[in-house]
Amino acid sequence: MLTQTHLIMKKIALITCCLTVAIIFIAAAKKDAPENTYTIEGVWELKHQYIFENNEILDTLYNLDGYRQVKMYSKGKVMWSRFNPTDTNEWFGYGTYHVVDGFLEERLEYASNTMMQIIDTVQVFKFELEMDENNYSQISMDEKGNRYNSENYKRIE
């Protein structure tokens, strides 16, 4: 009986040791693996926008001749500027951003007078984020989580 108990204890110790080593390797692999290999840091230009219906792309809105919108992300800060040749208003904004769990959140600290009349600086803009190395889309959703619009950017730097 003592020998059988001894063998069972050895098996339990061996299994426990193997499981511990496996857990350590899995934890180390997860720690070393990048969560997302792409970064939003850089300079981006608006290519076009999508309009969604029932979470499907309904239409694509291309920029008018001369229209330009650029966003810059660096070290937690975001700045954007828009030029529309048919609009005499200035459009720009500056603030902070962070990306968490596939969502981009931007908070304006200040902006052009025209923009400040539309929003206030406590508003957080939250977008679903889809990206690859040279493109990203910030997707606006309604209160039910349905997509209704996206701005689609290409990396220019």
N, C-alpha and C. Protein backbone atom coordinates (compact mmCIF):
# COMPACT_ATOMS: atom_id res chain seq x y z
N MET A 1 0.82 -1.19 0.00
CA MET A 1 0.00 0.00 0.00
C MET A 1 0.87 1.26 0.00
N LEU A 2 1.94 1.22 0.75
CA LEU A 2 2.85 2.37 0.83
C LEU A 2 3.51 2.60 -0.53
N THR A 3 3.86 1.58 -1.24
CA THR A 3 4.49 1.71 -2.54
C THR A 3 3.51 2.29 -3.57
N GLN A 4 2.30 1.84 -3.54
CA GLN A 4 1.30 2.34 -4.46
C GLN A 4 1.01 3.82 -4.20
N THR A 5 0.94 4.22 -2.96
CA THR A 5 0.74 5.62 -2.59
C THR A 5 1.93 6.44 -3.05
N HIS A 6 3.10 5.91 -2.90
CA HIS A 6 4.32 6.60 -3.32
C HIS A 6 4.32 6.83 -4.84
N LEU A 7 3.90 5.84 -5.60
CA LEU A 7 3.82 5.97 -7.06
C LEU A 7 2.78 7.01 -7.47
N ILE A 8 1.64 7.00 -6.80
CA ILE A 8 0.59 7.98 -7.11
C ILE A 8 1.10 9.39 -6.82
N MET A 9 1.78 9.58 -5.72
CA MET A 9 2.33 10.89 -5.36
C MET A 9 3.36 11.35 -6.40
N LYS A 10 4.20 10.43 -6.88
CA LYS A 10 5.18 10.78 -7.89
C LYS A 10 4.49 11.21 -9.19
N LYS A 11 3.43 10.49 -9.57
CA LYS A 11 2.68 10.84 -10.79
C LYS A 11 2.03 12.22 -10.64
N ILE A 12 1.45 12.48 -9.49
CA ILE A 12 0.82 13.77 -9.25
C ILE A 12 1.86 14.88 -9.31
N ALA A 13 3.02 14.66 -8.71
CA ALA A 13 4.10 15.66 -8.73
C ALA A 13 4.58 15.89 -10.15
N LEU A 14 4.72 14.84 -10.94
CA LEU A 14 5.17 14.96 -12.32
C LEU A 14 4.14 15.73 -13.18
N ILE A 15 2.86 15.39 -13.01
CA ILE A 15 1.81 16.09 -13.76
C ILE A 15 1.76 17.56 -13.37
N THR A 16 1.86 17.85 -12.08
CA THR A 16 1.86 19.24 -11.60
C THR A 16 3.04 20.01 -12.17
N CYS A 17 4.20 19.39 -12.19
CA CYS A 17 5.39 20.03 -12.73
C CYS A 17 5.21 20.32 -14.23
N CYS A 18 4.70 19.37 -14.97
CA CYS A 18 4.48 19.57 -16.41
C CYS A 18 3.47 20.68 -16.67
N LEU A 19 2.38 20.70 -15.91
CA LEU A 19 1.38 21.75 -16.08
C LEU A 19 1.95 23.12 -15.75
N THR A 20 2.76 23.21 -14.71
CA THR A 20 3.39 24.48 -14.33
C THR A 20 4.29 24.98 -15.44
N VAL A 21 5.11 24.11 -15.99
CA VAL A 21 6.01 24.49 -17.08
C VAL A 21 5.19 24.94 -18.30
N ALA A 22 4.13 24.23 -18.62
CA ALA A 22 3.29 24.59 -19.76
C ALA A 22 2.65 25.97 -19.55
N ILE A 23 2.17 26.22 -18.35
CA ILE A 23 1.55 27.52 -18.05
C ILE A 23 2.58 28.64 -18.18
N ILE A 24 3.79 28.41 -17.71
CA ILE A 24 4.85 29.42 -17.81
C ILE A 24 5.17 29.72 -19.27
N PHE A 25 5.27 28.69 -20.11
CA PHE A 25 5.56 28.90 -21.54
C PHE A 25 4.41 29.64 -22.24
N ILE A 26 3.19 29.30 -21.93
CA ILE A 26 2.03 29.96 -22.54
C ILE A 26 1.99 31.42 -22.12
N ALA A 27 2.21 31.70 -20.85
CA ALA A 27 2.20 33.08 -20.36
C ALA A 27 3.32 33.89 -21.01
N ALA A 28 4.49 33.31 -21.14
CA ALA A 28 5.61 34.02 -21.77
C ALA A 28 5.32 34.30 -23.24
N ALA A 29 4.72 33.35 -23.92
CA ALA A 29 4.40 33.54 -25.35
C ALA A 29 3.37 34.65 -25.51
N LYS A 30 2.36 34.70 -24.66
CA LYS A 30 1.36 35.76 -24.75
C LYS A 30 1.96 37.11 -24.43
N LYS A 31 2.88 37.16 -23.48
CA LYS A 31 3.50 38.43 -23.10
C LYS A 31 4.36 38.98 -24.23
N ASP A 32 5.06 38.10 -24.93
CA ASP A 32 5.95 38.52 -26.01
C ASP A 32 5.21 38.82 -27.31
N ALA A 33 4.04 38.23 -27.49
CA ALA A 33 3.30 38.42 -28.73
C ALA A 33 2.65 39.80 -28.74
N PRO A 34 2.86 40.59 -29.79
CA PRO A 34 2.24 41.91 -29.85
C PRO A 34 0.73 41.79 -29.97
N GLU A 35 0.03 42.67 -29.25
CA GLU A 35 -1.43 42.67 -29.30
C GLU A 35 -1.91 43.07 -30.70
N ASN A 36 -1.27 44.07 -31.28
CA ASN A 36 -1.58 44.52 -32.62
C ASN A 36 -0.28 45.03 -33.21
N THR A 37 0.11 44.51 -34.34
CA THR A 37 1.40 44.89 -34.92
C THR A 37 1.33 46.23 -35.65
N TYR A 38 0.14 46.79 -35.83
CA TYR A 38 -0.01 48.05 -36.53
C TYR A 38 -0.17 49.18 -35.53
N THR A 39 0.33 50.34 -35.90
CA THR A 39 0.19 51.51 -35.03
C THR A 39 -0.49 52.63 -35.79
N ILE A 40 -1.28 53.39 -35.08
CA ILE A 40 -1.96 54.53 -35.68
C ILE A 40 -1.06 55.75 -35.69
N GLU A 41 0.06 55.68 -34.99
CA GLU A 41 0.97 56.83 -34.97
C GLU A 41 1.46 57.11 -36.39
N GLY A 42 1.39 58.39 -36.77
CA GLY A 42 1.81 58.80 -38.09
C GLY A 42 0.88 59.85 -38.65
N VAL A 43 0.99 60.08 -39.95
CA VAL A 43 0.19 61.09 -40.64
C VAL A 43 -0.70 60.37 -41.65
N TRP A 44 -1.98 60.73 -41.65
CA TRP A 44 -2.99 60.04 -42.44
C TRP A 44 -3.83 61.04 -43.22
N GLU A 45 -4.22 60.64 -44.44
CA GLU A 45 -5.09 61.49 -45.25
C GLU A 45 -6.38 60.75 -45.58
N LEU A 46 -7.50 61.47 -45.48
CA LEU A 46 -8.80 60.89 -45.79
C LEU A 46 -8.88 60.52 -47.26
N LYS A 47 -9.19 59.25 -47.53
CA LYS A 47 -9.38 58.78 -48.91
C LYS A 47 -10.84 58.97 -49.33
N HIS A 48 -11.74 58.49 -48.48
CA HIS A 48 -13.17 58.54 -48.77
C HIS A 48 -13.93 58.15 -47.52
N GLN A 49 -15.25 58.20 -47.62
CA GLN A 49 -16.11 57.81 -46.51
C GLN A 49 -17.11 56.77 -46.99
N TYR A 50 -17.53 55.92 -46.06
CA TYR A 50 -18.59 54.97 -46.35
C TYR A 50 -19.84 55.39 -45.58
N ILE A 51 -20.97 55.18 -46.20
CA ILE A 51 -22.27 55.31 -45.55
C ILE A 51 -22.80 53.88 -45.41
N PHE A 52 -23.24 53.53 -44.20
CA PHE A 52 -23.73 52.18 -43.92
C PHE A 52 -25.25 52.17 -43.78
N GLU A 53 -25.82 51.05 -44.15
CA GLU A 53 -27.22 50.76 -43.86
C GLU A 53 -27.28 49.30 -43.45
N ASN A 54 -27.87 49.01 -42.31
CA ASN A 54 -27.92 47.65 -41.76
C ASN A 54 -26.52 47.05 -41.64
N ASN A 55 -25.57 47.89 -41.22
CA ASN A 55 -24.17 47.49 -41.01
C ASN A 55 -23.46 47.06 -42.29
N GLU A 56 -24.02 47.35 -43.43
CA GLU A 56 -23.41 47.05 -44.72
C GLU A 56 -23.12 48.37 -45.44
N ILE A 57 -22.04 48.41 -46.22
CA ILE A 57 -21.70 49.62 -46.97
C ILE A 57 -22.77 49.87 -48.03
N LEU A 58 -23.40 51.03 -47.93
CA LEU A 58 -24.44 51.42 -48.87
C LEU A 58 -23.88 52.29 -49.98
N ASP A 59 -22.94 53.19 -49.61
CA ASP A 59 -22.42 54.14 -50.59
C ASP A 59 -21.02 54.59 -50.18
N THR A 60 -20.26 55.05 -51.16
CA THR A 60 -18.93 55.61 -50.92
C THR A 60 -18.95 57.07 -51.33
N LEU A 61 -18.49 57.93 -50.42
CA LEU A 61 -18.40 59.36 -50.71
C LEU A 61 -16.94 59.72 -50.93
N TYR A 62 -16.62 60.10 -52.15
CA TYR A 62 -15.24 60.48 -52.49
C TYR A 62 -15.04 61.97 -52.23
N ASN A 63 -13.81 62.35 -51.95
CA ASN A 63 -13.49 63.76 -51.71
C ASN A 63 -13.72 64.57 -52.98
N LEU A 64 -14.25 65.77 -52.80
CA LEU A 64 -14.42 66.70 -53.92
C LEU A 64 -13.04 67.23 -54.33
N ASP A 65 -12.92 67.74 -55.55
CA ASP A 65 -11.65 68.31 -56.00
C ASP A 65 -11.20 69.42 -55.05
N GLY A 66 -9.98 69.30 -54.56
CA GLY A 66 -9.43 70.30 -53.66
C GLY A 66 -9.68 70.04 -52.19
N TYR A 67 -10.62 69.13 -51.87
CA TYR A 67 -10.91 68.81 -50.48
C TYR A 67 -9.76 67.99 -49.91
N ARG A 68 -9.34 68.33 -48.69
CA ARG A 68 -8.25 67.57 -48.07
C ARG A 68 -8.47 67.54 -46.56
N GLN A 69 -8.31 66.36 -45.99
CA GLN A 69 -8.40 66.20 -44.53
C GLN A 69 -7.24 65.33 -44.09
N VAL A 70 -6.48 65.83 -43.12
CA VAL A 70 -5.29 65.13 -42.64
C VAL A 70 -5.36 65.00 -41.13
N LYS A 71 -4.95 63.84 -40.62
CA LYS A 71 -4.88 63.61 -39.18
C LYS A 71 -3.47 63.16 -38.84
N MET A 72 -3.00 63.63 -37.69
CA MET A 72 -1.67 63.25 -37.21
C MET A 72 -1.80 62.71 -35.79
N TYR A 73 -1.21 61.54 -35.56
CA TYR A 73 -1.22 60.91 -34.24
C TYR A 73 0.23 60.75 -33.78
N SER A 74 0.49 61.20 -32.55
CA SER A 74 1.84 61.05 -31.99
C SER A 74 1.79 61.09 -30.47
N LYS A 75 2.30 60.05 -29.85
CA LYS A 75 2.47 59.98 -28.39
C LYS A 75 1.23 60.40 -27.62
N GLY A 76 0.09 59.86 -28.02
CA GLY A 76 -1.15 60.12 -27.30
C GLY A 76 -1.85 61.41 -27.70
N LYS A 77 -1.31 62.13 -28.68
CA LYS A 77 -1.91 63.39 -29.13
C LYS A 77 -2.41 63.22 -30.56
N VAL A 78 -3.50 63.92 -30.87
CA VAL A 78 -4.06 63.89 -32.22
C VAL A 78 -4.31 65.32 -32.67
N MET A 79 -4.07 65.58 -33.94
CA MET A 79 -4.40 66.86 -34.54
C MET A 79 -4.94 66.58 -35.93
N TRP A 80 -5.99 67.31 -36.28
CA TRP A 80 -6.55 67.15 -37.62
C TRP A 80 -6.86 68.52 -38.21
N SER A 81 -6.87 68.53 -39.53
CA SER A 81 -7.14 69.75 -40.27
C SER A 81 -7.91 69.36 -41.53
N ARG A 82 -8.85 70.22 -41.91
CA ARG A 82 -9.66 69.96 -43.10
C ARG A 82 -9.69 71.23 -43.95
N PHE A 83 -9.52 71.05 -45.25
CA PHE A 83 -9.69 72.15 -46.19
C PHE A 83 -10.73 71.75 -47.21
N ASN A 84 -11.74 72.60 -47.32
CA ASN A 84 -12.79 72.39 -48.31
C ASN A 84 -12.88 73.68 -49.13
N PRO A 85 -12.54 73.63 -50.42
CA PRO A 85 -12.53 74.85 -51.23
C PRO A 85 -13.89 75.52 -51.35
N THR A 86 -14.96 74.81 -51.04
CA THR A 86 -16.30 75.40 -51.14
C THR A 86 -16.78 75.96 -49.80
N ASP A 87 -15.94 75.90 -48.76
CA ASP A 87 -16.32 76.33 -47.41
C ASP A 87 -15.30 77.35 -46.91
N THR A 88 -15.73 78.53 -46.50
CA THR A 88 -14.80 79.56 -46.03
C THR A 88 -14.44 79.38 -44.56
N ASN A 89 -15.09 78.46 -43.85
CA ASN A 89 -14.77 78.20 -42.44
C ASN A 89 -13.45 77.45 -42.31
N GLU A 90 -12.77 77.71 -41.17
CA GLU A 90 -11.58 76.92 -40.82
C GLU A 90 -12.03 75.70 -40.04
N TRP A 91 -11.38 74.57 -40.31
CA TRP A 91 -11.71 73.34 -39.62
C TRP A 91 -10.43 72.69 -39.13
N PHE A 92 -10.24 72.62 -37.81
CA PHE A 92 -9.11 71.90 -37.23
C PHE A 92 -9.43 71.57 -35.79
N GLY A 93 -8.68 70.65 -35.25
CA GLY A 93 -8.85 70.28 -33.85
C GLY A 93 -7.59 69.63 -33.32
N TYR A 94 -7.45 69.67 -31.99
CA TYR A 94 -6.28 69.10 -31.32
C TYR A 94 -6.75 68.49 -30.01
N GLY A 95 -6.16 67.36 -29.64
CA GLY A 95 -6.53 66.74 -28.38
C GLY A 95 -5.72 65.49 -28.10
N THR A 96 -6.32 64.60 -27.35
CA THR A 96 -5.66 63.36 -26.97
C THR A 96 -6.41 62.18 -27.60
N TYR A 97 -5.71 61.06 -27.66
CA TYR A 97 -6.34 59.85 -28.18
C TYR A 97 -5.75 58.64 -27.46
N HIS A 98 -6.48 57.55 -27.53
CA HIS A 98 -5.93 56.25 -27.16
C HIS A 98 -6.74 55.16 -27.87
N VAL A 99 -6.07 54.05 -28.07
CA VAL A 99 -6.66 52.90 -28.74
C VAL A 99 -6.74 51.77 -27.71
N VAL A 100 -7.96 51.24 -27.51
CA VAL A 100 -8.16 50.16 -26.56
C VAL A 100 -9.16 49.17 -27.14
N ASP A 101 -8.78 47.90 -27.16
CA ASP A 101 -9.67 46.82 -27.57
C ASP A 101 -10.39 47.07 -28.89
N GLY A 102 -9.65 47.57 -29.90
CA GLY A 102 -10.23 47.77 -31.22
C GLY A 102 -11.05 49.03 -31.36
N PHE A 103 -10.95 49.94 -30.39
CA PHE A 103 -11.67 51.21 -30.47
C PHE A 103 -10.70 52.37 -30.34
N LEU A 104 -10.95 53.40 -31.11
CA LEU A 104 -10.19 54.64 -31.08
C LEU A 104 -11.03 55.68 -30.35
N GLU A 105 -10.45 56.30 -29.33
CA GLU A 105 -11.14 57.36 -28.61
C GLU A 105 -10.33 58.64 -28.72
N GLU A 106 -11.00 59.72 -29.11
CA GLU A 106 -10.38 61.03 -29.24
C GLU A 106 -11.15 62.02 -28.38
N ARG A 107 -10.41 62.89 -27.70
CA ARG A 107 -11.02 63.95 -26.89
C ARG A 107 -10.39 65.28 -27.32
N LEU A 108 -11.20 66.19 -27.85
CA LEU A 108 -10.68 67.48 -28.28
C LEU A 108 -10.37 68.36 -27.08
N GLU A 109 -9.23 69.04 -27.13
CA GLU A 109 -8.87 70.02 -26.11
C GLU A 109 -9.17 71.42 -26.63
N TYR A 110 -8.93 71.64 -27.90
CA TYR A 110 -9.34 72.89 -28.53
C TYR A 110 -9.49 72.64 -30.02
N ALA A 111 -10.18 73.59 -30.67
CA ALA A 111 -10.46 73.43 -32.10
C ALA A 111 -10.79 74.79 -32.69
N SER A 112 -10.98 74.80 -34.00
CA SER A 112 -11.37 76.04 -34.67
C SER A 112 -12.70 76.51 -34.10
N ASN A 113 -12.95 77.81 -34.25
CA ASN A 113 -14.18 78.40 -33.73
C ASN A 113 -15.41 77.68 -34.28
N THR A 114 -15.39 77.36 -35.55
CA THR A 114 -16.52 76.67 -36.17
C THR A 114 -16.76 75.31 -35.52
N MET A 115 -15.68 74.59 -35.30
CA MET A 115 -15.81 73.27 -34.67
C MET A 115 -16.27 73.39 -33.22
N MET A 116 -15.76 74.38 -32.50
CA MET A 116 -16.14 74.56 -31.10
C MET A 116 -17.61 74.92 -30.95
N GLN A 117 -18.20 75.52 -31.97
CA GLN A 117 -19.63 75.83 -31.92
C GLN A 117 -20.48 74.57 -32.07
N ILE A 118 -19.89 73.52 -32.65
CA ILE A 118 -20.61 72.27 -32.87
C ILE A 118 -20.52 71.35 -31.65
N ILE A 119 -19.35 71.30 -31.06
CA ILE A 119 -19.11 70.38 -29.94
C ILE A 119 -18.49 71.14 -28.78
N ASP A 120 -18.33 70.44 -27.66
CA ASP A 120 -17.55 71.01 -26.57
C ASP A 120 -16.39 70.08 -26.27
N THR A 121 -15.45 70.54 -25.47
CA THR A 121 -14.21 69.78 -25.27
C THR A 121 -14.35 68.61 -24.33
N VAL A 122 -15.50 68.41 -23.71
CA VAL A 122 -15.66 67.24 -22.85
C VAL A 122 -16.16 66.03 -23.63
N GLN A 123 -16.53 66.24 -24.85
CA GLN A 123 -17.04 65.14 -25.66
C GLN A 123 -15.92 64.21 -26.08
N VAL A 124 -16.14 62.92 -25.89
CA VAL A 124 -15.20 61.91 -26.35
C VAL A 124 -15.79 61.29 -27.61
N PHE A 125 -14.99 61.27 -28.66
CA PHE A 125 -15.39 60.64 -29.91
C PHE A 125 -14.86 59.21 -29.88
N LYS A 126 -15.76 58.26 -29.96
CA LYS A 126 -15.36 56.85 -29.90
C LYS A 126 -15.73 56.18 -31.22
N PHE A 127 -14.73 55.52 -31.82
CA PHE A 127 -14.91 54.87 -33.11
C PHE A 127 -14.43 53.43 -33.03
N GLU A 128 -15.11 52.56 -33.77
CA GLU A 128 -14.56 51.23 -34.01
C GLU A 128 -13.38 51.43 -34.94
N LEU A 129 -12.29 50.72 -34.70
CA LEU A 129 -11.07 50.92 -35.47
C LEU A 129 -10.73 49.66 -36.25
N GLU A 130 -10.56 49.81 -37.55
CA GLU A 130 -10.05 48.74 -38.40
C GLU A 130 -8.81 49.28 -39.08
N MET A 131 -7.72 48.51 -39.05
CA MET A 131 -6.52 49.04 -39.68
C MET A 131 -5.59 47.94 -40.14
N ASP A 132 -4.75 48.32 -41.11
CA ASP A 132 -3.61 47.52 -41.50
C ASP A 132 -2.41 48.46 -41.49
N GLU A 133 -1.33 48.07 -42.10
CA GLU A 133 -0.11 48.87 -42.02
C GLU A 133 -0.28 50.28 -42.60
N ASN A 134 -1.02 50.43 -43.69
CA ASN A 134 -1.09 51.71 -44.39
C ASN A 134 -2.48 52.29 -44.55
N ASN A 135 -3.47 51.71 -43.90
CA ASN A 135 -4.84 52.19 -44.00
C ASN A 135 -5.54 52.02 -42.66
N TYR A 136 -6.46 52.92 -42.37
CA TYR A 136 -7.32 52.68 -41.22
C TYR A 136 -8.68 53.30 -41.46
N SER A 137 -9.68 52.74 -40.80
CA SER A 137 -11.04 53.26 -40.85
C SER A 137 -11.51 53.51 -39.43
N GLN A 138 -12.06 54.71 -39.21
CA GLN A 138 -12.71 55.01 -37.93
C GLN A 138 -14.20 54.97 -38.20
N ILE A 139 -14.87 54.03 -37.56
CA ILE A 139 -16.26 53.72 -37.88
C ILE A 139 -17.16 54.25 -36.78
N SER A 140 -18.10 55.11 -37.15
CA SER A 140 -19.06 55.67 -36.20
C SER A 140 -20.23 54.71 -36.05
N MET A 141 -20.69 54.59 -34.79
CA MET A 141 -21.81 53.69 -34.50
C MET A 141 -22.87 54.44 -33.71
N ASP A 142 -24.12 54.02 -33.89
CA ASP A 142 -25.19 54.63 -33.11
C ASP A 142 -25.24 53.99 -31.72
N GLU A 143 -26.22 54.42 -30.92
CA GLU A 143 -26.32 53.94 -29.53
C GLU A 143 -26.60 52.44 -29.43
N LYS A 144 -27.04 51.82 -30.52
CA LYS A 144 -27.30 50.38 -30.54
C LYS A 144 -26.11 49.58 -31.07
N GLY A 145 -25.03 50.28 -31.46
CA GLY A 145 -23.86 49.61 -31.98
C GLY A 145 -23.90 49.35 -33.47
N ASN A 146 -24.83 49.96 -34.17
CA ASN A 146 -24.92 49.81 -35.62
C ASN A 146 -24.02 50.83 -36.32
N ARG A 147 -23.29 50.37 -37.30
CA ARG A 147 -22.43 51.27 -38.08
C ARG A 147 -23.30 52.18 -38.94
N TYR A 148 -22.90 53.48 -39.02
CA TYR A 148 -23.63 54.36 -39.93
C TYR A 148 -22.70 55.18 -40.82
N ASN A 149 -21.41 55.31 -40.46
CA ASN A 149 -20.48 56.10 -41.26
C ASN A 149 -19.07 55.67 -40.93
N SER A 150 -18.17 55.78 -41.89
CA SER A 150 -16.75 55.59 -41.58
C SER A 150 -15.93 56.55 -42.41
N GLU A 151 -14.86 57.04 -41.79
CA GLU A 151 -13.84 57.81 -42.50
C GLU A 151 -12.69 56.85 -42.74
N ASN A 152 -12.22 56.79 -43.98
CA ASN A 152 -11.20 55.82 -44.38
C ASN A 152 -9.94 56.57 -44.80
N TYR A 153 -8.85 56.28 -44.11
CA TYR A 153 -7.60 57.03 -44.29
C TYR A 153 -6.50 56.15 -44.85
N LYS A 154 -5.54 56.81 -45.53
CA LYS A 154 -4.32 56.14 -45.97
C LYS A 154 -3.15 56.84 -45.29
N ARG A 155 -2.14 56.06 -44.98
CA ARG A 155 -0.92 56.61 -44.35
C ARG A 155 -0.15 57.42 -45.39
N ILE A 156 0.25 58.64 -45.02
CA ILE A 156 1.10 59.43 -45.92
C ILE A 156 2.47 59.67 -45.31
N GLU A 157 2.65 59.28 -44.07
CA GLU A 157 3.97 59.32 -43.42
C GLU A 157 4.00 58.41 -42.24
